[in-house]
N, C-alpha and C. Protein backbone atom coordinates (compact mmCIF):
# COMPACT_ATOMS: atom_id res chain seq x y z
N MET A 1 4.59 21.23 103.87
CA MET A 1 5.07 22.10 102.70
C MET A 1 4.55 21.44 101.60
N ARG A 2 4.30 22.41 100.61
CA ARG A 2 3.44 22.05 99.30
C ARG A 2 4.28 21.14 98.38
N GLN A 3 3.81 20.36 98.10
CA GLN A 3 4.84 19.76 96.73
C GLN A 3 4.53 20.25 95.40
N ARG A 4 5.69 20.52 94.66
CA ARG A 4 5.33 21.06 93.29
C ARG A 4 4.90 20.12 92.14
N GLN A 5 4.28 20.57 91.20
CA GLN A 5 3.45 19.48 90.35
C GLN A 5 4.02 19.76 89.01
N LEU A 6 4.38 18.77 88.17
CA LEU A 6 4.75 19.00 86.87
C LEU A 6 3.52 19.59 85.96
N THR A 7 3.73 20.23 85.06
CA THR A 7 2.70 20.80 84.03
C THR A 7 2.55 19.72 83.15
N PRO A 8 1.61 19.86 82.47
CA PRO A 8 1.27 19.14 81.46
C PRO A 8 2.59 18.61 80.41
N LEU A 9 3.22 19.73 79.96
CA LEU A 9 4.26 19.83 79.20
C LEU A 9 5.52 18.81 79.79
N GLY A 10 5.68 19.16 81.25
CA GLY A 10 6.43 18.50 82.18
C GLY A 10 6.36 16.92 82.17
N LYS A 11 4.95 16.70 82.13
CA LYS A 11 4.54 15.23 82.33
C LYS A 11 4.94 14.43 81.04
N LYS A 12 5.04 15.36 79.66
CA LYS A 12 5.17 14.63 78.34
C LYS A 12 6.53 14.34 78.43
N ILE A 13 7.36 15.40 78.70
CA ILE A 13 8.78 15.28 78.61
C ILE A 13 9.34 14.17 79.41
N VAL A 14 8.87 14.20 80.76
CA VAL A 14 9.23 13.14 81.54
C VAL A 14 8.78 11.55 81.27
N LYS A 15 7.66 11.50 80.67
CA LYS A 15 7.07 10.33 80.18
C LYS A 15 8.06 9.82 78.64
N ARG A 16 8.19 10.64 77.85
CA ARG A 16 9.13 10.57 76.72
C ARG A 16 10.47 10.18 77.00
N LEU A 17 11.24 10.69 78.14
CA LEU A 17 12.67 10.49 78.69
C LEU A 17 12.61 8.87 79.01
N VAL A 18 11.33 8.51 79.94
CA VAL A 18 11.18 7.19 80.44
C VAL A 18 11.15 6.11 79.23
N ASP A 19 10.24 6.61 78.27
CA ASP A 19 10.08 5.68 77.14
C ASP A 19 11.33 5.44 76.35
N MET A 20 12.23 6.30 76.32
CA MET A 20 13.49 6.54 75.44
C MET A 20 14.44 5.89 76.36
N ASP A 21 14.39 5.49 77.55
CA ASP A 21 15.16 5.20 78.69
C ASP A 21 16.52 5.98 78.87
N LYS A 22 16.10 7.32 78.88
CA LYS A 22 17.05 8.47 79.00
C LYS A 22 16.77 9.24 80.41
N THR A 23 17.59 9.88 80.71
CA THR A 23 17.51 11.00 81.84
C THR A 23 17.35 12.38 81.78
N GLN A 24 16.98 12.66 82.81
CA GLN A 24 16.89 14.46 82.45
C GLN A 24 18.37 15.08 82.41
N VAL A 25 19.43 14.36 82.96
CA VAL A 25 20.66 14.85 82.92
C VAL A 25 21.25 14.76 81.18
N TRP A 26 20.68 13.70 80.66
CA TRP A 26 21.15 13.40 79.24
C TRP A 26 20.47 14.49 78.57
N LEU A 27 18.91 14.56 78.80
CA LEU A 27 18.49 15.87 77.97
C LEU A 27 19.18 17.13 78.37
N CYS A 28 19.58 17.49 79.57
CA CYS A 28 20.21 18.62 79.49
C CYS A 28 21.60 18.82 78.96
N ASP A 29 22.45 17.80 78.72
CA ASP A 29 23.58 17.64 78.10
C ASP A 29 23.35 17.99 76.70
N GLN A 30 22.22 17.30 76.10
CA GLN A 30 21.92 17.53 74.67
C GLN A 30 21.81 19.03 74.34
N LEU A 31 20.95 19.58 75.44
CA LEU A 31 20.54 20.97 75.10
C LEU A 31 21.53 22.26 75.54
N GLY A 32 22.53 21.87 76.55
CA GLY A 32 23.42 22.57 77.15
C GLY A 32 22.82 23.49 78.18
N MET A 33 21.78 23.04 78.94
CA MET A 33 21.32 23.73 79.84
C MET A 33 21.69 22.80 81.40
N ARG A 34 21.47 23.51 82.40
CA ARG A 34 21.66 23.15 83.79
C ARG A 34 20.21 22.23 84.26
N LYS A 35 20.58 21.02 84.75
CA LYS A 35 19.33 20.51 85.43
C LYS A 35 18.38 21.41 86.20
N THR A 36 18.71 22.25 86.83
CA THR A 36 17.91 22.84 87.64
C THR A 36 16.87 23.90 86.71
N TYR A 37 17.33 24.33 85.64
CA TYR A 37 16.77 24.93 84.59
C TYR A 37 15.74 24.05 84.22
N LEU A 38 15.90 22.75 83.65
CA LEU A 38 15.00 22.21 83.08
C LEU A 38 14.00 21.68 84.28
N ASN A 39 14.39 21.56 85.20
CA ASN A 39 13.35 21.35 86.42
C ASN A 39 12.21 22.46 86.65
N LYS A 40 12.75 23.76 86.48
CA LYS A 40 11.70 24.75 86.46
C LYS A 40 10.90 24.88 85.31
N ILE A 41 11.46 24.40 84.19
CA ILE A 41 10.68 24.23 83.00
C ILE A 41 9.56 23.27 83.27
N LEU A 42 10.02 22.12 83.77
CA LEU A 42 9.18 20.84 83.96
C LEU A 42 7.94 21.15 84.90
N HIS A 43 8.35 22.26 85.93
CA HIS A 43 7.25 22.57 86.93
C HIS A 43 6.67 23.90 86.50
N GLY A 44 6.92 24.59 85.46
CA GLY A 44 6.00 25.85 85.23
C GLY A 44 6.49 26.90 85.68
N GLU A 45 7.88 26.99 86.42
CA GLU A 45 8.49 28.10 86.96
C GLU A 45 9.24 29.03 86.11
N ARG A 46 9.75 28.58 84.95
CA ARG A 46 10.04 29.03 83.70
C ARG A 46 9.42 28.59 82.39
N SER A 47 9.18 29.39 81.31
CA SER A 47 8.83 29.06 80.18
C SER A 47 9.65 28.13 79.43
N GLY A 48 10.91 28.42 79.29
CA GLY A 48 11.66 27.75 78.46
C GLY A 48 11.55 27.92 77.12
N GLN A 49 10.98 29.12 76.81
CA GLN A 49 10.65 29.36 75.39
C GLN A 49 11.67 28.95 74.19
N LYS A 50 12.96 29.67 74.99
CA LYS A 50 14.22 29.29 74.22
C LYS A 50 14.74 27.85 73.72
N TYR A 51 14.14 27.01 74.81
CA TYR A 51 14.70 25.45 74.49
C TYR A 51 13.36 24.59 74.18
N LEU A 52 12.26 25.02 73.85
CA LEU A 52 11.07 24.08 73.46
C LEU A 52 11.00 23.48 72.36
N ALA A 53 11.42 24.25 71.14
CA ALA A 53 11.59 23.85 69.91
C ALA A 53 12.79 22.68 69.96
N ARG A 54 13.85 23.03 70.56
CA ARG A 54 14.85 21.91 70.55
C ARG A 54 14.55 20.82 71.44
N ILE A 55 13.87 20.85 72.65
CA ILE A 55 13.36 19.79 73.38
C ILE A 55 12.59 18.84 72.28
N HIS A 56 11.66 19.44 71.73
CA HIS A 56 10.73 18.60 70.79
C HIS A 56 11.44 17.88 69.95
N ASP A 57 12.39 18.55 69.47
CA ASP A 57 13.25 17.78 68.34
C ASP A 57 14.13 16.68 69.15
N VAL A 58 14.95 17.14 70.04
CA VAL A 58 15.53 15.69 70.65
C VAL A 58 14.87 14.80 71.12
N LEU A 59 13.41 14.91 71.70
CA LEU A 59 12.62 14.01 72.40
C LEU A 59 11.83 13.40 71.29
N ASP A 60 11.89 13.89 69.85
CA ASP A 60 11.14 13.57 68.73
C ASP A 60 9.44 13.40 69.34
N LEU A 61 9.26 14.72 69.77
CA LEU A 61 7.66 14.85 70.19
C LEU A 61 7.02 15.62 69.02
N ASN A 62 5.86 15.23 69.05
CA ASN A 62 4.83 15.80 67.65
C ASN A 62 4.72 17.27 68.02
N GLU A 63 4.52 18.07 66.95
CA GLU A 63 4.33 19.53 67.06
C GLU A 63 3.03 19.96 67.70
N ASP A 64 1.94 18.74 67.63
CA ASP A 64 0.84 19.21 68.27
C ASP A 64 0.76 18.80 69.87
N GLU A 65 1.85 18.23 70.28
CA GLU A 65 1.90 18.26 71.62
C GLU A 65 2.68 19.30 72.45
N GLN A 66 3.21 20.24 71.46
CA GLN A 66 4.17 21.22 71.92
C GLN A 66 3.07 22.23 72.53
N GLN A 67 3.66 22.65 73.96
CA GLN A 67 2.81 23.43 74.53
C GLN A 67 3.99 24.50 75.35
N THR A 68 3.34 25.83 75.68
CA THR A 68 4.44 26.45 76.45
C THR A 68 4.10 26.17 77.86
N ALA A 69 4.88 26.15 79.05
CA ALA A 69 4.67 26.02 80.26
C ALA A 69 3.87 27.08 81.27
């Protein structure tokens, strides 16, 4: 079975969560989304366009790091 890979954006989000000592569940609570949807964004199965600006705000990521999945 092929293992799914994080997108470059997914890697940045996960790294930032680790740096902040926060979980994906915490991020989902902040954004009002389900963990399964966040997981699809992290792996490039959904664009998450509706949430990208808010994700960057919550995680305090630079605009130049913003990418679509």
